Amino acid sequence: MADWGPVLIAVVLFVVLTLGLLFQLLGHSRVVDFCNMRTSGVSILVHTIIFFRLITIFLIAIGVHITTG
């Protein structure tokens, strides 16, 4: 029996929060840039904080578990 919840949530959040793929917070010209493949240090920091807050909420506070077997 393996718990795939943390793995799937981390992969989904990583894809959604990849800088410039869907959106970028604190972009170069606007607060939110869409489909922009340019990044900045501040934008990387903001997306990292959002990632760790969301993964903490999903895994610890809500307790998402997906088991196989």
C-alpha atoms as a PDB file:
ATOM      1  CA  MET A   1       0.000   0.000   0.000  1.00  0.00           C
ATOM      2  CA  ALA A   2       1.456   3.301  -1.072  1.00  0.00           C
ATOM      3  CA  ASP A   3       0.195   6.781  -0.271  1.00  0.00           C
ATOM      4  CA  TRP A   4       0.191   8.732  -3.549  1.00  0.00           C
ATOM      5  CA  GLY A   5      -1.579  11.834  -2.177  1.00  0.00           C
ATOM      6  CA  PRO A   6       1.548  13.890  -1.420  1.00  0.00           C
ATOM      7  CA  VAL A   7       3.140  12.963  -4.743  1.00  0.00           C
ATOM      8  CA  LEU A   8       0.124  13.881  -6.867  1.00  0.00           C
ATOM      9  CA  ILE A   9      -0.562  17.123  -5.025  1.00  0.00           C
ATOM     10  CA  ALA A  10       3.082  18.191  -5.281  1.00  0.00           C
ATOM     11  CA  VAL A  11       3.172  17.461  -9.026  1.00  0.00           C
ATOM     12  CA  VAL A  12      -0.087  19.307  -9.724  1.00  0.00           C
ATOM     13  CA  LEU A  13       0.970  22.343  -7.684  1.00  0.00           C
ATOM     14  CA  PHE A  14       4.395  22.352  -9.345  1.00  0.00           C
ATOM     15  CA  VAL A  15       2.848  22.375 -12.818  1.00  0.00           C
ATOM     16  CA  VAL A  16       0.259  25.027 -11.945  1.00  0.00           C
ATOM     17  CA  LEU A  17       2.770  27.279 -10.187  1.00  0.00           C
ATOM     18  CA  THR A  18       5.577  26.916 -12.742  1.00  0.00           C
ATOM     19  CA  LEU A  19       6.647  30.460 -13.481  1.00  0.00           C
ATOM     20  CA  GLY A  20       5.338  31.763 -16.760  1.00  0.00           C
ATOM     21  CA  LEU A  21       3.538  28.605 -17.835  1.00  0.00           C
ATOM     22  CA  LEU A  22      -0.004  29.662 -16.905  1.00  0.00           C
ATOM     23  CA  PHE A  23       0.532  32.867 -14.951  1.00  0.00           C
ATOM     24  CA  GLN A  24       3.222  34.760 -13.094  1.00  0.00           C
ATOM     25  CA  LEU A  25       2.614  36.880 -10.025  1.00  0.00           C
ATOM     26  CA  LEU A  26       4.641  40.100  -9.859  1.00  0.00           C
ATOM     27  CA  GLY A  27       5.541  40.067 -13.537  1.00  0.00           C
ATOM     28  CA  HIS A  28       7.673  42.622 -15.338  1.00  0.00           C
ATOM     29  CA  SER A  29       4.917  44.869 -16.686  1.00  0.00           C
ATOM     30  CA  ARG A  30       1.864  43.956 -14.565  1.00  0.00           C
ATOM     31  CA  VAL A  31       1.038  42.359 -11.246  1.00  0.00           C
ATOM     32  CA  VAL A  32      -0.165  39.183 -12.993  1.00  0.00           C
ATOM     33  CA  ASP A  33       1.306  38.214 -16.374  1.00  0.00           C
ATOM     34  CA  PHE A  34      -0.181  35.342 -18.382  1.00  0.00           C
ATOM     35  CA  CYS A  35       1.956  33.001 -20.537  1.00  0.00           C
ATOM     36  CA  ASN A  36       5.101  35.016 -19.887  1.00  0.00           C
ATOM     37  CA  MET A  37       8.317  32.998 -19.842  1.00  0.00           C
ATOM     38  CA  ARG A  38      10.448  35.703 -18.148  1.00  0.00           C
ATOM     39  CA  THR A  39      11.031  35.505 -14.396  1.00  0.00           C
ATOM     40  CA  SER A  40      12.444  37.628 -11.607  1.00  0.00           C
ATOM     41  CA  GLY A  41      13.817  36.821  -8.169  1.00  0.00           C
ATOM     42  CA  VAL A  42      10.806  38.312  -6.394  1.00  0.00           C
ATOM     43  CA  SER A  43       8.432  36.288  -8.551  1.00  0.00           C
ATOM     44  CA  ILE A  44      10.330  33.076  -7.756  1.00  0.00           C
ATOM     45  CA  LEU A  45      10.102  33.852  -4.030  1.00  0.00           C
ATOM     46  CA  VAL A  46       6.346  34.556  -4.207  1.00  0.00           C
ATOM     47  CA  HIS A  47       5.608  31.338  -6.118  1.00  0.00           C
ATOM     48  CA  THR A  48       7.761  29.328  -3.675  1.00  0.00           C
ATOM     49  CA  ILE A  49       5.876  30.707  -0.670  1.00  0.00           C
ATOM     50  CA  ILE A  50       2.521  29.989  -2.330  1.00  0.00           C
ATOM     51  CA  PHE A  51       3.633  26.412  -3.185  1.00  0.00           C
ATOM     52  CA  PHE A  52       4.708  25.577   0.363  1.00  0.00           C
ATOM     53  CA  ARG A  53       1.616  27.145   1.924  1.00  0.00           C
ATOM     54  CA  LEU A  54      -0.737  25.213  -0.375  1.00  0.00           C
ATOM     55  CA  ILE A  55       1.089  21.912   0.026  1.00  0.00           C
ATOM     56  CA  THR A  56       1.010  22.356   3.807  1.00  0.00           C
ATOM     57  CA  ILE A  57      -2.711  23.048   3.743  1.00  0.00           C
ATOM     58  CA  PHE A  58      -3.483  20.049   1.529  1.00  0.00           C
ATOM     59  CA  LEU A  59      -1.230  17.532   3.283  1.00  0.00           C
ATOM     60  CA  ILE A  60      -1.303  18.535   6.942  1.00  0.00           C
ATOM     61  CA  ALA A  61      -4.501  20.520   7.525  1.00  0.00           C
ATOM     62  CA  ILE A  62      -6.828  18.639   5.167  1.00  0.00           C
ATOM     63  CA  GLY A  63      -4.912  15.352   5.127  1.00  0.00           C
ATOM     64  CA  VAL A  64      -5.300  14.191   1.532  1.00  0.00           C
ATOM     65  CA  HIS A  65      -4.467  10.498   1.119  1.00  0.00           C
ATOM     66  CA  ILE A  66      -4.678   8.415  -2.055  1.00  0.00           C
ATOM     67  CA  THR A  67      -3.799   4.770  -1.480  1.00  0.00           C
ATOM     68  CA  THR A  68      -3.242   1.992  -3.991  1.00  0.00           C
ATOM     69  CA  GLY A  69      -3.327  -1.725  -3.587  1.00  0.00           C
END
